[in-house]
Amino acid sequence: MSVSDVQKELDQLRKEVAALSAARKQKEATSAQNNDNASSDAEEDDAGHEIKGQIEELIKLLQDEIRDMPALTALAVFALGVLMGRLLR
């Protein structure tokens, strides 16, 4: 191999290394972006589960309150709520 052949081979290898480095950086950037999106989705899921849990807890508390209340009182509270709803309309 002559010096010019070696020089051409080195130039070719440098170009390949540069192309591979650029591809690797692009892949890492895409991977980091996907990880950010995945963590955002996980946070949204956690928030959704938290809200759902709070709603279920509220419903359970309301059911317990109504169960402990006499039927006539529960009916009066319900009627008062309907009346207030109509008046606020």
PDB file of N, CA and C in Angstrom:
ATOM      1  N   MET A   1       0.836  -1.174   0.000  1.00  0.00           N
ATOM      2  CA  MET A   1       0.000   0.000   0.000  1.00  0.00           C
ATOM      3  C   MET A   1       0.877   1.232   0.000  1.00  0.00           C
ATOM      4  N   SER A   2       0.472   2.161  -0.797  1.00  0.00           N
ATOM      5  CA  SER A   2       1.243   3.399  -0.879  1.00  0.00           C
ATOM      6  C   SER A   2       0.731   4.396   0.158  1.00  0.00           C
ATOM      7  N   VAL A   3       1.444   5.467   0.304  1.00  0.00           N
ATOM      8  CA  VAL A   3       1.081   6.507   1.272  1.00  0.00           C
ATOM      9  C   VAL A   3      -0.259   7.130   0.899  1.00  0.00           C
ATOM     10  N   SER A   4      -0.500   7.335  -0.377  1.00  0.00           N
ATOM     11  CA  SER A   4      -1.771   7.939  -0.814  1.00  0.00           C
ATOM     12  C   SER A   4      -2.948   6.998  -0.523  1.00  0.00           C
ATOM     13  N   ASP A   5      -2.735   5.697  -0.682  1.00  0.00           N
ATOM     14  CA  ASP A   5      -3.793   4.735  -0.362  1.00  0.00           C
ATOM     15  C   ASP A   5      -4.113   4.754   1.136  1.00  0.00           C
ATOM     16  N   VAL A   6      -3.087   4.830   1.954  1.00  0.00           N
ATOM     17  CA  VAL A   6      -3.269   4.881   3.403  1.00  0.00           C
ATOM     18  C   VAL A   6      -3.999   6.167   3.789  1.00  0.00           C
ATOM     19  N   GLN A   7      -3.604   7.266   3.135  1.00  0.00           N
ATOM     20  CA  GLN A   7      -4.246   8.557   3.409  1.00  0.00           C
ATOM     21  C   GLN A   7      -5.725   8.510   3.033  1.00  0.00           C
ATOM     22  N   LYS A   8      -6.045   7.905   1.881  1.00  0.00           N
ATOM     23  CA  LYS A   8      -7.446   7.771   1.458  1.00  0.00           C
ATOM     24  C   LYS A   8      -8.222   6.914   2.446  1.00  0.00           C
ATOM     25  N   GLU A   9      -7.599   5.837   2.881  1.00  0.00           N
ATOM     26  CA  GLU A   9      -8.247   4.938   3.841  1.00  0.00           C
ATOM     27  C   GLU A   9      -8.510   5.681   5.166  1.00  0.00           C
ATOM     28  N   LEU A  10      -7.555   6.461   5.633  1.00  0.00           N
ATOM     29  CA  LEU A  10      -7.732   7.236   6.867  1.00  0.00           C
ATOM     30  C   LEU A  10      -8.854   8.259   6.715  1.00  0.00           C
ATOM     31  N   ASP A  11      -8.906   8.933   5.584  1.00  0.00           N
ATOM     32  CA  ASP A  11      -9.978   9.902   5.336  1.00  0.00           C
ATOM     33  C   ASP A  11     -11.345   9.219   5.349  1.00  0.00           C
ATOM     34  N   GLN A  12     -11.411   8.069   4.724  1.00  0.00           N
ATOM     35  CA  GLN A  12     -12.664   7.307   4.686  1.00  0.00           C
ATOM     36  C   GLN A  12     -13.069   6.885   6.099  1.00  0.00           C
ATOM     37  N   LEU A  13     -12.116   6.408   6.889  1.00  0.00           N
ATOM     38  CA  LEU A  13     -12.404   5.997   8.256  1.00  0.00           C
ATOM     39  C   LEU A  13     -12.857   7.183   9.111  1.00  0.00           C
ATOM     40  N   ARG A  14     -12.242   8.342   8.918  1.00  0.00           N
ATOM     41  CA  ARG A  14     -12.639   9.545   9.661  1.00  0.00           C
ATOM     42  C   ARG A  14     -14.085   9.925   9.335  1.00  0.00           C
ATOM     43  N   LYS A  15     -14.448   9.826   8.057  1.00  0.00           N
ATOM     44  CA  LYS A  15     -15.817  10.150   7.648  1.00  0.00           C
ATOM     45  C   LYS A  15     -16.811   9.176   8.289  1.00  0.00           C
ATOM     46  N   GLU A  16     -16.453   7.900   8.309  1.00  0.00           N
ATOM     47  CA  GLU A  16     -17.333   6.898   8.911  1.00  0.00           C
ATOM     48  C   GLU A  16     -17.487   7.128  10.414  1.00  0.00           C
ATOM     49  N   VAL A  17     -16.376   7.452  11.090  1.00  0.00           N
ATOM     50  CA  VAL A  17     -16.428   7.720  12.527  1.00  0.00           C
ATOM     51  C   VAL A  17     -17.305   8.943  12.801  1.00  0.00           C
ATOM     52  N   ALA A  18     -17.168   9.983  11.997  1.00  0.00           N
ATOM     53  CA  ALA A  18     -17.982  11.185  12.168  1.00  0.00           C
ATOM     54  C   ALA A  18     -19.462  10.867  11.964  1.00  0.00           C
ATOM     55  N   ALA A  19     -19.772  10.073  10.941  1.00  0.00           N
ATOM     56  CA  ALA A  19     -21.163   9.707  10.667  1.00  0.00           C
ATOM     57  C   ALA A  19     -21.732   8.868  11.813  1.00  0.00           C
ATOM     58  N   LEU A  20     -20.935   7.917  12.316  1.00  0.00           N
ATOM     59  CA  LEU A  20     -21.393   7.076  13.426  1.00  0.00           C
ATOM     60  C   LEU A  20     -21.584   7.903  14.704  1.00  0.00           C
ATOM     61  N   SER A  21     -20.691   8.848  14.945  1.00  0.00           N
ATOM     62  CA  SER A  21     -20.821   9.712  16.127  1.00  0.00           C
ATOM     63  C   SER A  21     -22.081  10.559  16.040  1.00  0.00           C
ATOM     64  N   ALA A  22     -22.360  11.097  14.874  1.00  0.00           N
ATOM     65  CA  ALA A  22     -23.566  11.906  14.685  1.00  0.00           C
ATOM     66  C   ALA A  22     -24.823  11.052  14.880  1.00  0.00           C
ATOM     67  N   ALA A  23     -24.800   9.841  14.350  1.00  0.00           N
ATOM     68  CA  ALA A  23     -25.951   8.947  14.495  1.00  0.00           C
ATOM     69  C   ALA A  23     -26.162   8.580  15.966  1.00  0.00           C
ATOM     70  N   ARG A  24     -25.062   8.347  16.686  1.00  0.00           N
ATOM     71  CA  ARG A  24     -25.160   7.990  18.103  1.00  0.00           C
ATOM     72  C   ARG A  24     -25.723   9.163  18.906  1.00  0.00           C
ATOM     73  N   LYS A  25     -25.259  10.371  18.637  1.00  0.00           N
ATOM     74  CA  LYS A  25     -25.764  11.544  19.340  1.00  0.00           C
ATOM     75  C   LYS A  25     -27.249  11.748  19.073  1.00  0.00           C
ATOM     76  N   GLN A  26     -27.640  11.547  17.812  1.00  0.00           N
ATOM     77  CA  GLN A  26     -29.048  11.704  17.461  1.00  0.00           C
ATOM     78  C   GLN A  26     -29.885  10.652  18.179  1.00  0.00           C
ATOM     79  N   LYS A  27     -29.395   9.427  18.238  1.00  0.00           N
ATOM     80  CA  LYS A  27     -30.125   8.355  18.916  1.00  0.00           C
ATOM     81  C   LYS A  27     -30.241   8.651  20.407  1.00  0.00           C
ATOM     82  N   GLU A  28     -29.175   9.158  21.029  1.00  0.00           N
ATOM     83  CA  GLU A  28     -29.213   9.498  22.447  1.00  0.00           C
ATOM     84  C   GLU A  28     -30.197  10.627  22.710  1.00  0.00           C
ATOM     85  N   ALA A  29     -30.230  11.612  21.818  1.00  0.00           N
ATOM     86  CA  ALA A  29     -31.168  12.727  21.979  1.00  0.00           C
ATOM     87  C   ALA A  29     -32.605  12.232  21.868  1.00  0.00           C
ATOM     88  N   THR A  30     -32.867  11.362  20.913  1.00  0.00           N
ATOM     89  CA  THR A  30     -34.202  10.800  20.744  1.00  0.00           C
ATOM     90  C   THR A  30     -34.577   9.961  21.953  1.00  0.00           C
ATOM     91  N   SER A  31     -33.642   9.183  22.449  1.00  0.00           N
ATOM     92  CA  SER A  31     -33.891   8.344  23.618  1.00  0.00           C
ATOM     93  C   SER A  31     -34.188   9.197  24.841  1.00  0.00           C
ATOM     94  N   ALA A  32     -33.445  10.279  25.037  1.00  0.00           N
ATOM     95  CA  ALA A  32     -33.674  11.176  26.168  1.00  0.00           C
ATOM     96  C   ALA A  32     -35.044  11.830  26.065  1.00  0.00           C
ATOM     97  N   GLN A  33     -35.424  12.207  24.841  1.00  0.00           N
ATOM     98  CA  GLN A  33     -36.730  12.833  24.640  1.00  0.00           C
ATOM     99  C   GLN A  33     -37.839  11.834  24.948  1.00  0.00           C
ATOM    100  N   ASN A  34     -37.672  10.585  24.524  1.00  0.00           N
ATOM    101  CA  ASN A  34     -38.669   9.556  24.804  1.00  0.00           C
ATOM    102  C   ASN A  34     -38.767   9.300  26.298  1.00  0.00           C
ATOM    103  N   ASN A  35     -37.642   9.322  27.004  1.00  0.00           N
ATOM    104  CA  ASN A  35     -37.658   9.117  28.445  1.00  0.00           C
ATOM    105  C   ASN A  35     -38.390  10.255  29.142  1.00  0.00           C
ATOM    106  N   ASP A  36     -38.222  11.492  28.660  1.00  0.00           N
ATOM    107  CA  ASP A  36     -38.941  12.623  29.229  1.00  0.00           C
ATOM    108  C   ASP A  36     -40.436  12.455  29.027  1.00  0.00           C
ATOM    109  N   ASN A  37     -40.832  12.014  27.836  1.00  0.00           N
ATOM    110  CA  ASN A  37     -42.251  11.796  27.555  1.00  0.00           C
ATOM    111  C   ASN A  37     -42.800  10.670  28.420  1.00  0.00           C
ATOM    112  N   ALA A  38     -42.014   9.616  28.605  1.00  0.00           N
ATOM    113  CA  ALA A  38     -42.460   8.489  29.417  1.00  0.00           C
ATOM    114  C   ALA A  38     -42.629   8.910  30.868  1.00  0.00           C
ATOM    115  N   SER A  39     -41.717   9.741  31.374  1.00  0.00           N
ATOM    116  CA  SER A  39     -41.837  10.180  32.759  1.00  0.00           C
ATOM    117  C   SER A  39     -43.040  11.097  32.914  1.00  0.00           C
ATOM    118  N   SER A  40     -43.346  11.914  31.896  1.00  0.00           N
ATOM    119  CA  SER A  40     -44.527  12.765  31.952  1.00  0.00           C
ATOM    120  C   SER A  40     -45.791  11.919  31.972  1.00  0.00           C
ATOM    121  N   ASP A  41     -45.822  10.870  31.151  1.00  0.00           N
ATOM    122  CA  ASP A  41     -46.967   9.966  31.135  1.00  0.00           C
ATOM    123  C   ASP A  41     -47.119   9.275  32.479  1.00  0.00           C
ATOM    124  N   ALA A  42     -46.008   8.866  33.086  1.00  0.00           N
ATOM    125  CA  ALA A  42     -46.057   8.207  34.385  1.00  0.00           C
ATOM    126  C   ALA A  42     -46.584   9.165  35.442  1.00  0.00           C
ATOM    127  N   GLU A  43     -46.167  10.421  35.384  1.00  0.00           N
ATOM    128  CA  GLU A  43     -46.655  11.410  36.343  1.00  0.00           C
ATOM    129  C   GLU A  43     -48.150  11.633  36.169  1.00  0.00           C
ATOM    130  N   GLU A  44     -48.614  11.685  34.918  1.00  0.00           N
ATOM    131  CA  GLU A  44     -50.040  11.853  34.662  1.00  0.00           C
ATOM    132  C   GLU A  44     -50.823  10.660  35.183  1.00  0.00           C
ATOM    133  N   ASP A  45     -50.286   9.442  34.988  1.00  0.00           N
ATOM    134  CA  ASP A  45     -50.946   8.247  35.500  1.00  0.00           C
ATOM    135  C   ASP A  45     -51.023   8.288  37.012  1.00  0.00           C
ATOM    136  N   ASP A  46     -49.933   8.691  37.664  1.00  0.00           N
ATOM    137  CA  ASP A  46     -49.919   8.789  39.119  1.00  0.00           C
ATOM    138  C   ASP A  46     -50.947   9.801  39.603  1.00  0.00           C
ATOM    139  N   ALA A  47     -51.026  10.938  38.928  1.00  0.00           N
ATOM    140  CA  ALA A  47     -51.994  11.963  39.302  1.00  0.00           C
ATOM    141  C   ALA A  47     -53.421  11.448  39.106  1.00  0.00           C
ATOM    142  N   GLY A  48     -53.651  10.715  38.015  1.00  0.00           N
ATOM    143  CA  GLY A  48     -54.974  10.149  37.759  1.00  0.00           C
ATOM    144  C   GLY A  48     -55.371   9.142  38.821  1.00  0.00           C
ATOM    145  N   HIS A  49     -54.423   8.300  39.239  1.00  0.00           N
ATOM    146  CA  HIS A  49     -54.703   7.319  40.292  1.00  0.00           C
ATOM    147  C   HIS A  49     -54.976   8.027  41.619  1.00  0.00           C
ATOM    148  N   GLU A  50     -54.233   9.087  41.881  1.00  0.00           N
ATOM    149  CA  GLU A  50     -54.414   9.833  43.132  1.00  0.00           C
ATOM    150  C   GLU A  50     -55.801  10.474  43.179  1.00  0.00           C
ATOM    151  N   ILE A  51     -56.196  11.100  42.071  1.00  0.00           N
ATOM    152  CA  ILE A  51     -57.520  11.733  42.014  1.00  0.00           C
ATOM    153  C   ILE A  51     -58.620  10.687  42.135  1.00  0.00           C
ATOM    154  N   LYS A  52     -58.448   9.581  41.449  1.00  0.00           N
ATOM    155  CA  LYS A  52     -59.444   8.511  41.513  1.00  0.00           C
ATOM    156  C   LYS A  52     -59.574   7.994  42.939  1.00  0.00           C
ATOM    157  N   GLY A  53     -58.448   7.840  43.618  1.00  0.00           N
ATOM    158  CA  GLY A  53     -58.467   7.384  45.006  1.00  0.00           C
ATOM    159  C   GLY A  53     -59.177   8.375  45.912  1.00  0.00           C
ATOM    160  N   GLN A  54     -58.946   9.668  45.687  1.00  0.00           N
ATOM    161  CA  GLN A  54     -59.611  10.686  46.499  1.00  0.00           C
ATOM    162  C   GLN A  54     -61.118  10.685  46.268  1.00  0.00           C
ATOM    163  N   ILE A  55     -61.522  10.508  45.017  1.00  0.00           N
ATOM    164  CA  ILE A  55     -62.957  10.476  44.707  1.00  0.00           C
ATOM    165  C   ILE A  55     -63.610   9.258  45.359  1.00  0.00           C
ATOM    166  N   GLU A  56     -62.938   8.108  45.268  1.00  0.00           N
ATOM    167  CA  GLU A  56     -63.481   6.898  45.889  1.00  0.00           C
ATOM    168  C   GLU A  56     -63.581   7.061  47.401  1.00  0.00           C
ATOM    169  N   GLU A  57     -62.599   7.710  48.005  1.00  0.00           N
ATOM    170  CA  GLU A  57     -62.627   7.951  49.448  1.00  0.00           C
ATOM    171  C   GLU A  57     -63.787   8.870  49.817  1.00  0.00           C
ATOM    172  N   LEU A  58     -64.009   9.926  49.008  1.00  0.00           N
ATOM    173  CA  LEU A  58     -65.116  10.844  49.258  1.00  0.00           C
ATOM    174  C   LEU A  58     -66.458  10.124  49.154  1.00  0.00           C
ATOM    175  N   ILE A  59     -66.607   9.295  48.141  1.00  0.00           N
ATOM    176  CA  ILE A  59     -67.860   8.543  47.971  1.00  0.00           C
ATOM    177  C   ILE A  59     -68.097   7.621  49.155  1.00  0.00           C
ATOM    178  N   LYS A  60     -67.033   6.960  49.602  1.00  0.00           N
ATOM    179  CA  LYS A  60     -67.175   6.056  50.748  1.00  0.00           C
ATOM    180  C   LYS A  60     -67.584   6.833  51.997  1.00  0.00           C
ATOM    181  N   LEU A  61     -66.962   7.998  52.221  1.00  0.00           N
ATOM    182  CA  LEU A  61     -67.328   8.810  53.380  1.00  0.00           C
ATOM    183  C   LEU A  61     -68.783   9.269  53.308  1.00  0.00           C
ATOM    184  N   LEU A  62     -69.219   9.688  52.107  1.00  0.00           N
ATOM    185  CA  LEU A  62     -70.610  10.116  51.941  1.00  0.00           C
ATOM    186  C   LEU A  62     -71.567   8.958  52.175  1.00  0.00           C
ATOM    187  N   GLN A  63     -71.224   7.786  51.683  1.00  0.00           N
ATOM    188  CA  GLN A  63     -72.073   6.620  51.907  1.00  0.00           C
ATOM    189  C   GLN A  63     -72.172   6.301  53.395  1.00  0.00           C
ATOM    190  N   ASP A  64     -71.068   6.386  54.109  1.00  0.00           N
ATOM    191  CA  ASP A  64     -71.081   6.135  55.554  1.00  0.00           C
ATOM    192  C   ASP A  64     -71.934   7.176  56.274  1.00  0.00           C
ATOM    193  N   GLU A  65     -71.821   8.447  55.885  1.00  0.00           N
ATOM    194  CA  GLU A  65     -72.618   9.504  56.506  1.00  0.00           C
ATOM    195  C   GLU A  65     -74.107   9.260  56.279  1.00  0.00           C
ATOM    196  N   ILE A  66     -74.465   8.905  55.061  1.00  0.00           N
ATOM    197  CA  ILE A  66     -75.878   8.683  54.748  1.00  0.00           C
ATOM    198  C   ILE A  66     -76.399   7.450  55.489  1.00  0.00           C
ATOM    199  N   ARG A  67     -75.581   6.398  55.592  1.00  0.00           N
ATOM    200  CA  ARG A  67     -75.987   5.194  56.317  1.00  0.00           C
ATOM    201  C   ARG A  67     -76.230   5.491  57.794  1.00  0.00           C
ATOM    202  N   ASP A  68     -75.408   6.361  58.361  1.00  0.00           N
ATOM    203  CA  ASP A  68     -75.536   6.684  59.778  1.00  0.00           C
ATOM    204  C   ASP A  68     -76.696   7.629  60.053  1.00  0.00           C
ATOM    205  N   MET A  69     -77.168   8.328  59.039  1.00  0.00           N
ATOM    206  CA  MET A  69     -78.239   9.304  59.189  1.00  0.00           C
ATOM    207  C   MET A  69     -79.600   8.607  59.132  1.00  0.00           C
ATOM    208  N   PRO A  70     -80.555   9.068  59.934  1.00  0.00           N
ATOM    209  CA  PRO A  70     -81.909   8.508  59.818  1.00  0.00           C
ATOM    210  C   PRO A  70     -82.491   8.809  58.427  1.00  0.00           C
ATOM    211  N   ALA A  71     -83.381   7.974  57.969  1.00  0.00           N
ATOM    212  CA  ALA A  71     -83.929   8.088  56.619  1.00  0.00           C
ATOM    213  C   ALA A  71     -84.637   9.424  56.402  1.00  0.00           C
ATOM    214  N   LEU A  72     -85.388   9.874  57.374  1.00  0.00           N
ATOM    215  CA  LEU A  72     -86.124  11.126  57.228  1.00  0.00           C
ATOM    216  C   LEU A  72     -85.161  12.311  57.110  1.00  0.00           C
ATOM    217  N   THR A  73     -84.093  12.296  57.873  1.00  0.00           N
ATOM    218  CA  THR A  73     -83.107  13.369  57.807  1.00  0.00           C
ATOM    219  C   THR A  73     -82.397  13.354  56.454  1.00  0.00           C
ATOM    220  N   ALA A  74     -82.046  12.173  55.960  1.00  0.00           N
ATOM    221  CA  ALA A  74     -81.389  12.053  54.657  1.00  0.00           C
ATOM    222  C   ALA A  74     -82.295  12.582  53.555  1.00  0.00           C
ATOM    223  N   LEU A  75     -83.582  12.277  53.639  1.00  0.00           N
ATOM    224  CA  LEU A  75     -84.539  12.759  52.650  1.00  0.00           C
ATOM    225  C   LEU A  75     -84.660  14.282  52.736  1.00  0.00           C
ATOM    226  N   ALA A  76     -84.672  14.830  53.925  1.00  0.00           N
ATOM    227  CA  ALA A  76     -84.771  16.277  54.091  1.00  0.00           C
ATOM    228  C   ALA A  76     -83.528  16.968  53.528  1.00  0.00           C
ATOM    229  N   VAL A  77     -82.346  16.425  53.773  1.00  0.00           N
ATOM    230  CA  VAL A  77     -81.111  17.003  53.255  1.00  0.00           C
ATOM    231  C   VAL A  77     -81.099  16.945  51.722  1.00  0.00           C
ATOM    232  N   PHE A  78     -81.554  15.834  51.169  1.00  0.00           N
ATOM    233  CA  PHE A  78     -81.619  15.695  49.717  1.00  0.00           C
ATOM    234  C   PHE A  78     -82.584  16.725  49.121  1.00  0.00           C
ATOM    235  N   ALA A  79     -83.758  16.867  49.733  1.00  0.00           N
ATOM    236  CA  ALA A  79     -84.752  17.816  49.231  1.00  0.00           C
ATOM    237  C   ALA A  79     -84.222  19.244  49.329  1.00  0.00           C
ATOM    238  N   LEU A  80     -83.536  19.557  50.410  1.00  0.00           N
ATOM    239  CA  LEU A  80     -82.952  20.876  50.568  1.00  0.00           C
ATOM    240  C   LEU A  80     -81.894  21.138  49.491  1.00  0.00           C
ATOM    241  N   GLY A  81     -81.092  20.123  49.163  1.00  0.00           N
ATOM    242  CA  GLY A  81     -80.091  20.252  48.102  1.00  0.00           C
ATOM    243  C   GLY A  81     -80.733  20.497  46.751  1.00  0.00           C
ATOM    244  N   VAL A  82     -81.811  19.783  46.462  1.00  0.00           N
ATOM    245  CA  VAL A  82     -82.518  19.983  45.185  1.00  0.00           C
ATOM    246  C   VAL A  82     -83.111  21.384  45.138  1.00  0.00           C
ATOM    247  N   LEU A  83     -83.720  21.832  46.243  1.00  0.00           N
ATOM    248  CA  LEU A  83     -84.309  23.153  46.289  1.00  0.00           C
ATOM    249  C   LEU A  83     -83.254  24.236  46.104  1.00  0.00           C
ATOM    250  N   MET A  84     -82.126  24.106  46.762  1.00  0.00           N
ATOM    251  CA  MET A  84     -81.035  25.082  46.621  1.00  0.00           C
ATOM    252  C   MET A  84     -80.503  25.087  45.187  1.00  0.00           C
ATOM    253  N   GLY A  85     -80.425  23.919  44.592  1.00  0.00           N
ATOM    254  CA  GLY A  85     -79.972  23.821  43.201  1.00  0.00           C
ATOM    255  C   GLY A  85     -80.916  24.551  42.251  1.00  0.00           C
ATOM    256  N   ARG A  86     -82.177  24.405  42.477  1.00  0.00           N
ATOM    257  CA  ARG A  86     -83.191  25.081  41.636  1.00  0.00           C
ATOM    258  C   ARG A  86     -83.127  26.603  41.828  1.00  0.00           C
ATOM    259  N   LEU A  87     -82.955  27.029  43.067  1.00  0.00           N
ATOM    260  CA  LEU A  87     -82.924  28.463  43.345  1.00  0.00           C
ATOM    261  C   LEU A  87     -81.665  29.121  42.803  1.00  0.00           C
ATOM    262  N   LEU A  88     -80.563  28.423  42.775  1.00  0.00           N
ATOM    263  CA  LEU A  88     -79.319  28.983  42.278  1.00  0.00           C
ATOM    264  C   LEU A  88     -79.230  28.998  40.759  1.00  0.00           C
ATOM    265  N   ARG A  89     -80.112  28.347  40.116  1.00  0.00           N
ATOM    266  CA  ARG A  89     -80.131  28.294  38.660  1.00  0.00           C
ATOM    267  C   ARG A  89     -80.444  29.568  38.067  1.00  0.00           C
TER     268      ARG A  89
END
